[in-house]
Amino acid sequence: MFGQLVKEGRLAKGIGLREFCRKLEIDASNWSKVERGTLAPPQDEKKLKKIANILGIEPNTGKWKALKDQANIDAGIIPKDLLSDKEVLNSLPMFFRTIRSEKPTPEELDKLIKKIREKD
């Protein structure tokens, strides 16, 4: 969960909620809702970069990508880089069925295996 990830990061840095919100220029009561998961995380790239900067997360690192992905996931959004990849986009229905414990067809499995091998 995005809010929990940020909360753990700020606490690890010894940053209190009010100080974090002051640096982020956001209302503490609203941000508290984000941390509790009752309010969707920000999607604005500048705001996410500011959060990362406060937490000491370097741009274009695994931690940065995880932060961005978690913000998208918690907002119910498929990340833009995945939506722009036609093959990935076409594989999403099979992926969704698979995680719902519905078996993919052999052809779908072959396509997925091929796609995974191409990424290596």
N, C-alpha and C. Protein backbone atom coordinates (compact mmCIF):
# COMPACT_ATOMS: atom_id res chain seq x y z
N MET A 1 0.83 -1.17 0.00
CA MET A 1 0.00 0.00 0.00
C MET A 1 0.89 1.25 0.00
N PHE A 2 0.58 2.18 -0.89
CA PHE A 2 1.38 3.40 -1.05
C PHE A 2 1.54 4.16 0.26
N GLY A 3 0.43 4.42 0.92
CA GLY A 3 0.47 5.21 2.16
C GLY A 3 1.36 4.58 3.21
N GLN A 4 1.27 3.29 3.36
CA GLN A 4 2.10 2.58 4.33
C GLN A 4 3.57 2.64 3.94
N LEU A 5 3.84 2.52 2.66
CA LEU A 5 5.21 2.60 2.15
C LEU A 5 5.82 3.96 2.48
N VAL A 6 5.06 5.03 2.24
CA VAL A 6 5.55 6.38 2.53
C VAL A 6 5.69 6.59 4.03
N LYS A 7 4.71 6.14 4.79
CA LYS A 7 4.76 6.30 6.24
C LYS A 7 5.99 5.61 6.82
N GLU A 8 6.25 4.39 6.40
CA GLU A 8 7.43 3.67 6.88
C GLU A 8 8.70 4.41 6.49
N GLY A 9 8.73 4.96 5.27
CA GLY A 9 9.89 5.70 4.81
C GLY A 9 10.14 6.95 5.62
N ARG A 10 9.08 7.70 5.91
CA ARG A 10 9.26 8.94 6.66
C ARG A 10 9.62 8.65 8.12
N LEU A 11 9.02 7.62 8.70
CA LEU A 11 9.37 7.26 10.08
C LEU A 11 10.82 6.78 10.17
N ALA A 12 11.26 6.04 9.18
CA ALA A 12 12.65 5.58 9.15
C ALA A 12 13.62 6.76 9.07
N LYS A 13 13.18 7.84 8.45
CA LYS A 13 13.99 9.06 8.35
C LYS A 13 13.80 9.97 9.56
N GLY A 14 12.90 9.58 10.47
CA GLY A 14 12.64 10.39 11.65
C GLY A 14 11.83 11.65 11.34
N ILE A 15 11.01 11.59 10.32
CA ILE A 15 10.20 12.74 9.92
C ILE A 15 8.77 12.53 10.41
N GLY A 16 8.29 13.46 11.20
CA GLY A 16 6.92 13.40 11.69
C GLY A 16 5.93 13.78 10.59
N LEU A 17 4.66 13.48 10.84
CA LEU A 17 3.61 13.74 9.86
C LEU A 17 3.54 15.22 9.49
N ARG A 18 3.51 16.09 10.49
CA ARG A 18 3.37 17.53 10.21
C ARG A 18 4.59 18.08 9.46
N GLU A 19 5.77 17.64 9.84
CA GLU A 19 6.98 18.11 9.15
C GLU A 19 6.97 17.63 7.69
N PHE A 20 6.60 16.37 7.49
CA PHE A 20 6.51 15.81 6.14
C PHE A 20 5.53 16.61 5.29
N CYS A 21 4.36 16.90 5.86
CA CYS A 21 3.33 17.63 5.13
C CYS A 21 3.75 19.07 4.84
N ARG A 22 4.49 19.67 5.77
CA ARG A 22 5.00 21.02 5.54
C ARG A 22 5.96 21.01 4.35
N LYS A 23 6.85 20.02 4.31
CA LYS A 23 7.80 19.91 3.19
C LYS A 23 7.08 19.62 1.88
N LEU A 24 6.02 18.84 1.97
CA LEU A 24 5.26 18.45 0.78
C LEU A 24 4.25 19.52 0.37
N GLU A 25 4.02 20.47 1.27
CA GLU A 25 3.04 21.53 1.05
C GLU A 25 1.65 20.97 0.83
N ILE A 26 1.24 20.13 1.79
CA ILE A 26 -0.08 19.50 1.73
C ILE A 26 -0.66 19.48 3.15
N ASP A 27 -1.98 19.47 3.24
CA ASP A 27 -2.67 19.44 4.52
C ASP A 27 -2.44 18.11 5.23
N ALA A 28 -2.05 18.17 6.50
CA ALA A 28 -1.74 16.96 7.27
C ALA A 28 -2.93 16.03 7.40
N SER A 29 -4.14 16.59 7.57
CA SER A 29 -5.31 15.71 7.73
C SER A 29 -5.60 14.95 6.44
N ASN A 30 -5.40 15.60 5.30
CA ASN A 30 -5.60 14.89 4.03
C ASN A 30 -4.52 13.84 3.82
N TRP A 31 -3.26 14.21 4.14
CA TRP A 31 -2.18 13.24 3.94
C TRP A 31 -2.35 12.03 4.85
N SER A 32 -2.84 12.25 6.04
CA SER A 32 -3.09 11.16 6.98
C SER A 32 -4.05 10.14 6.36
N LYS A 33 -5.02 10.63 5.61
CA LYS A 33 -5.97 9.75 4.92
C LYS A 33 -5.27 8.94 3.83
N VAL A 34 -4.30 9.53 3.17
CA VAL A 34 -3.52 8.80 2.16
C VAL A 34 -2.75 7.67 2.85
N GLU A 35 -2.11 7.99 3.97
CA GLU A 35 -1.33 6.98 4.68
C GLU A 35 -2.21 5.85 5.21
N ARG A 36 -3.44 6.16 5.54
CA ARG A 36 -4.36 5.12 6.04
C ARG A 36 -5.07 4.39 4.90
N GLY A 37 -4.89 4.86 3.68
CA GLY A 37 -5.49 4.20 2.52
C GLY A 37 -6.94 4.58 2.27
N THR A 38 -7.43 5.65 2.90
CA THR A 38 -8.81 6.07 2.68
C THR A 38 -8.90 7.14 1.60
N LEU A 39 -7.77 7.67 1.18
CA LEU A 39 -7.72 8.66 0.11
C LEU A 39 -6.67 8.19 -0.89
N ALA A 40 -7.00 8.28 -2.17
CA ALA A 40 -6.08 7.81 -3.22
C ALA A 40 -4.78 8.61 -3.20
N PRO A 41 -3.67 7.95 -3.49
CA PRO A 41 -2.39 8.65 -3.53
C PRO A 41 -2.32 9.64 -4.70
N PRO A 42 -1.41 10.61 -4.60
CA PRO A 42 -1.26 11.54 -5.71
C PRO A 42 -0.74 10.82 -6.95
N GLN A 43 -1.12 11.33 -8.12
CA GLN A 43 -0.66 10.77 -9.38
C GLN A 43 0.26 11.72 -10.12
N ASP A 44 0.29 12.96 -9.68
CA ASP A 44 1.12 13.98 -10.30
C ASP A 44 2.60 13.61 -10.15
N GLU A 45 3.30 13.56 -11.27
CA GLU A 45 4.72 13.17 -11.28
C GLU A 45 5.56 14.09 -10.39
N LYS A 46 5.29 15.39 -10.43
CA LYS A 46 6.06 16.33 -9.60
C LYS A 46 5.85 16.06 -8.12
N LYS A 47 4.61 15.77 -7.73
CA LYS A 47 4.31 15.49 -6.33
C LYS A 47 4.99 14.19 -5.89
N LEU A 48 4.95 13.18 -6.75
CA LEU A 48 5.60 11.90 -6.43
C LEU A 48 7.12 12.07 -6.32
N LYS A 49 7.69 12.89 -7.19
CA LYS A 49 9.13 13.15 -7.12
C LYS A 49 9.48 13.90 -5.84
N LYS A 50 8.61 14.80 -5.43
CA LYS A 50 8.84 15.55 -4.19
C LYS A 50 8.80 14.60 -2.99
N ILE A 51 7.83 13.68 -2.99
CA ILE A 51 7.74 12.68 -1.92
C ILE A 51 9.01 11.84 -1.90
N ALA A 52 9.43 11.39 -3.07
CA ALA A 52 10.65 10.58 -3.17
C ALA A 52 11.86 11.35 -2.65
N ASN A 53 11.95 12.60 -3.01
CA ASN A 53 13.07 13.43 -2.56
C ASN A 53 13.08 13.56 -1.04
N ILE A 54 11.93 13.81 -0.45
CA ILE A 54 11.84 13.93 1.02
C ILE A 54 12.28 12.62 1.68
N LEU A 55 11.92 11.50 1.06
CA LEU A 55 12.26 10.20 1.63
C LEU A 55 13.67 9.72 1.25
N GLY A 56 14.37 10.50 0.43
CA GLY A 56 15.72 10.13 0.03
C GLY A 56 15.75 9.05 -1.04
N ILE A 57 14.70 8.95 -1.83
CA ILE A 57 14.63 7.96 -2.90
C ILE A 57 15.11 8.62 -4.19
N GLU A 58 16.14 8.05 -4.78
CA GLU A 58 16.73 8.59 -6.00
C GLU A 58 15.85 8.29 -7.21
N PRO A 59 15.77 9.24 -8.15
CA PRO A 59 14.98 9.01 -9.37
C PRO A 59 15.53 7.83 -10.18
N ASN A 60 14.64 7.17 -10.89
CA ASN A 60 14.98 6.06 -11.80
C ASN A 60 15.65 4.87 -11.11
N THR A 61 15.38 4.69 -9.82
CA THR A 61 15.87 3.52 -9.11
C THR A 61 14.71 2.55 -8.91
N GLY A 62 15.01 1.37 -8.44
CA GLY A 62 13.97 0.40 -8.14
C GLY A 62 12.98 0.92 -7.11
N LYS A 63 13.49 1.63 -6.10
CA LYS A 63 12.60 2.18 -5.07
C LYS A 63 11.67 3.24 -5.66
N TRP A 64 12.20 4.06 -6.57
CA TRP A 64 11.37 5.08 -7.22
C TRP A 64 10.27 4.43 -8.03
N LYS A 65 10.63 3.41 -8.81
CA LYS A 65 9.64 2.73 -9.64
C LYS A 65 8.58 2.04 -8.77
N ALA A 66 9.01 1.46 -7.65
CA ALA A 66 8.07 0.81 -6.73
C ALA A 66 7.11 1.83 -6.14
N LEU A 67 7.62 3.01 -5.78
CA LEU A 67 6.77 4.07 -5.23
C LEU A 67 5.72 4.50 -6.25
N LYS A 68 6.16 4.74 -7.48
CA LYS A 68 5.25 5.15 -8.55
C LYS A 68 4.22 4.07 -8.86
N ASP A 69 4.69 2.82 -8.95
CA ASP A 69 3.78 1.71 -9.24
C ASP A 69 2.74 1.55 -8.14
N GLN A 70 3.17 1.68 -6.89
CA GLN A 70 2.24 1.52 -5.78
C GLN A 70 1.20 2.64 -5.77
N ALA A 71 1.61 3.86 -6.14
CA ALA A 71 0.66 4.97 -6.26
C ALA A 71 -0.38 4.66 -7.33
N ASN A 72 0.06 4.12 -8.45
CA ASN A 72 -0.87 3.73 -9.52
C ASN A 72 -1.80 2.62 -9.08
N ILE A 73 -1.24 1.60 -8.47
CA ILE A 73 -2.03 0.44 -8.04
C ILE A 73 -3.11 0.87 -7.06
N ASP A 74 -2.72 1.66 -6.05
CA ASP A 74 -3.69 2.09 -5.04
C ASP A 74 -4.76 2.99 -5.61
N ALA A 75 -4.48 3.66 -6.71
CA ALA A 75 -5.48 4.50 -7.37
C ALA A 75 -6.27 3.72 -8.41
N GLY A 76 -5.94 2.43 -8.58
CA GLY A 76 -6.64 1.59 -9.55
C GLY A 76 -6.28 1.89 -10.98
N ILE A 77 -5.02 2.31 -11.19
CA ILE A 77 -4.56 2.71 -12.52
C ILE A 77 -3.47 1.75 -13.00
N ILE A 78 -3.58 1.33 -14.25
CA ILE A 78 -2.52 0.53 -14.86
C ILE A 78 -1.43 1.51 -15.31
N PRO A 79 -0.17 1.28 -14.90
CA PRO A 79 0.91 2.22 -15.26
C PRO A 79 0.99 2.49 -16.76
N LYS A 80 1.29 3.74 -17.12
CA LYS A 80 1.32 4.19 -18.50
C LYS A 80 2.30 3.41 -19.37
N ASP A 81 3.45 3.04 -18.80
CA ASP A 81 4.42 2.29 -19.61
C ASP A 81 3.89 0.93 -20.01
N LEU A 82 3.02 0.34 -19.18
CA LEU A 82 2.42 -0.94 -19.55
C LEU A 82 1.32 -0.74 -20.59
N LEU A 83 0.56 0.33 -20.44
CA LEU A 83 -0.51 0.60 -21.40
C LEU A 83 0.03 0.94 -22.79
N SER A 84 1.24 1.43 -22.86
CA SER A 84 1.81 1.78 -24.16
C SER A 84 2.43 0.58 -24.88
N ASP A 85 2.59 -0.53 -24.20
CA ASP A 85 3.14 -1.75 -24.79
C ASP A 85 1.99 -2.64 -25.24
N LYS A 86 1.77 -2.71 -26.54
CA LYS A 86 0.62 -3.43 -27.09
C LYS A 86 0.60 -4.91 -26.70
N GLU A 87 1.75 -5.56 -26.70
CA GLU A 87 1.81 -6.97 -26.33
C GLU A 87 1.42 -7.17 -24.87
N VAL A 88 1.94 -6.31 -24.00
CA VAL A 88 1.61 -6.40 -22.58
C VAL A 88 0.11 -6.16 -22.39
N LEU A 89 -0.39 -5.14 -23.07
CA LEU A 89 -1.80 -4.79 -22.98
C LEU A 89 -2.68 -5.96 -23.40
N ASN A 90 -2.29 -6.64 -24.46
CA ASN A 90 -3.06 -7.80 -24.93
C ASN A 90 -2.97 -8.98 -23.97
N SER A 91 -1.92 -9.03 -23.15
CA SER A 91 -1.75 -10.13 -22.19
C SER A 91 -2.48 -9.88 -20.88
N LEU A 92 -2.90 -8.64 -20.63
CA LEU A 92 -3.55 -8.33 -19.35
C LEU A 92 -4.79 -9.16 -19.05
N PRO A 93 -5.69 -9.37 -20.03
CA PRO A 93 -6.86 -10.21 -19.70
C PRO A 93 -6.47 -11.61 -19.21
N MET A 94 -5.46 -12.20 -19.86
CA MET A 94 -5.00 -13.52 -19.43
C MET A 94 -4.40 -13.44 -18.02
N PHE A 95 -3.64 -12.39 -17.78
CA PHE A 95 -3.04 -12.21 -16.45
C PHE A 95 -4.13 -12.10 -15.38
N PHE A 96 -5.15 -11.29 -15.66
CA PHE A 96 -6.24 -11.12 -14.69
C PHE A 96 -6.97 -12.43 -14.43
N ARG A 97 -7.22 -13.19 -15.49
CA ARG A 97 -7.88 -14.48 -15.30
C ARG A 97 -7.00 -15.42 -14.48
N THR A 98 -5.70 -15.39 -14.75
CA THR A 98 -4.76 -16.28 -14.05
C THR A 98 -4.74 -15.98 -12.57
N ILE A 99 -4.68 -14.70 -12.21
CA ILE A 99 -4.63 -14.39 -10.78
C ILE A 99 -5.97 -14.63 -10.10
N ARG A 100 -7.03 -14.76 -10.92
CA ARG A 100 -8.34 -15.14 -10.37
C ARG A 100 -8.49 -16.66 -10.34
N SER A 101 -7.42 -17.37 -10.60
CA SER A 101 -7.37 -18.84 -10.61
C SER A 101 -8.14 -19.45 -11.77
N GLU A 102 -8.26 -18.72 -12.86
CA GLU A 102 -8.84 -19.27 -14.08
C GLU A 102 -7.68 -19.65 -14.99
N LYS A 103 -7.73 -20.89 -15.52
CA LYS A 103 -6.63 -21.37 -16.33
C LYS A 103 -6.56 -20.67 -17.69
N PRO A 104 -5.36 -20.20 -18.07
CA PRO A 104 -5.19 -19.66 -19.42
C PRO A 104 -5.13 -20.80 -20.43
N THR A 105 -5.42 -20.49 -21.69
CA THR A 105 -5.34 -21.51 -22.74
C THR A 105 -3.86 -21.81 -23.00
N PRO A 106 -3.56 -22.96 -23.61
CA PRO A 106 -2.17 -23.27 -23.94
C PRO A 106 -1.53 -22.21 -24.84
N GLU A 107 -2.30 -21.67 -25.77
CA GLU A 107 -1.78 -20.62 -26.65
C GLU A 107 -1.41 -19.37 -25.85
N GLU A 108 -2.27 -19.01 -24.91
CA GLU A 108 -2.00 -17.85 -24.07
C GLU A 108 -0.75 -18.06 -23.22
N LEU A 109 -0.60 -19.26 -22.69
CA LEU A 109 0.60 -19.58 -21.90
C LEU A 109 1.85 -19.49 -22.74
N ASP A 110 1.80 -20.02 -23.96
CA ASP A 110 2.96 -19.95 -24.86
C ASP A 110 3.35 -18.51 -25.15
N LYS A 111 2.35 -17.66 -25.41
CA LYS A 111 2.62 -16.24 -25.68
C LYS A 111 3.25 -15.56 -24.46
N LEU A 112 2.74 -15.89 -23.28
CA LEU A 112 3.26 -15.29 -22.05
C LEU A 112 4.70 -15.74 -21.80
N ILE A 113 4.97 -17.02 -21.98
CA ILE A 113 6.33 -17.55 -21.80
C ILE A 113 7.29 -16.87 -22.77
N LYS A 114 6.87 -16.72 -24.01
CA LYS A 114 7.70 -16.06 -25.01
C LYS A 114 7.99 -14.61 -24.58
N LYS A 115 6.97 -13.92 -24.13
CA LYS A 115 7.12 -12.53 -23.70
C LYS A 115 8.09 -12.41 -22.51
N ILE A 116 7.98 -13.32 -21.57
CA ILE A 116 8.86 -13.31 -20.39
C ILE A 116 10.31 -13.56 -20.81
N ARG A 117 10.51 -14.52 -21.70
CA ARG A 117 11.85 -14.82 -22.16
C ARG A 117 12.49 -13.66 -22.92
N GLU A 118 11.67 -12.88 -23.63
CA GLU A 118 12.18 -11.72 -24.35
C GLU A 118 12.69 -10.64 -23.40
N LYS A 119 12.13 -10.57 -22.19
CA LYS A 119 12.51 -9.55 -21.21
C LYS A 119 13.87 -9.85 -20.56
N ASP A 120 14.32 -11.10 -20.63
CA ASP A 120 15.60 -11.48 -19.99
C ASP A 120 16.76 -11.01 -20.74
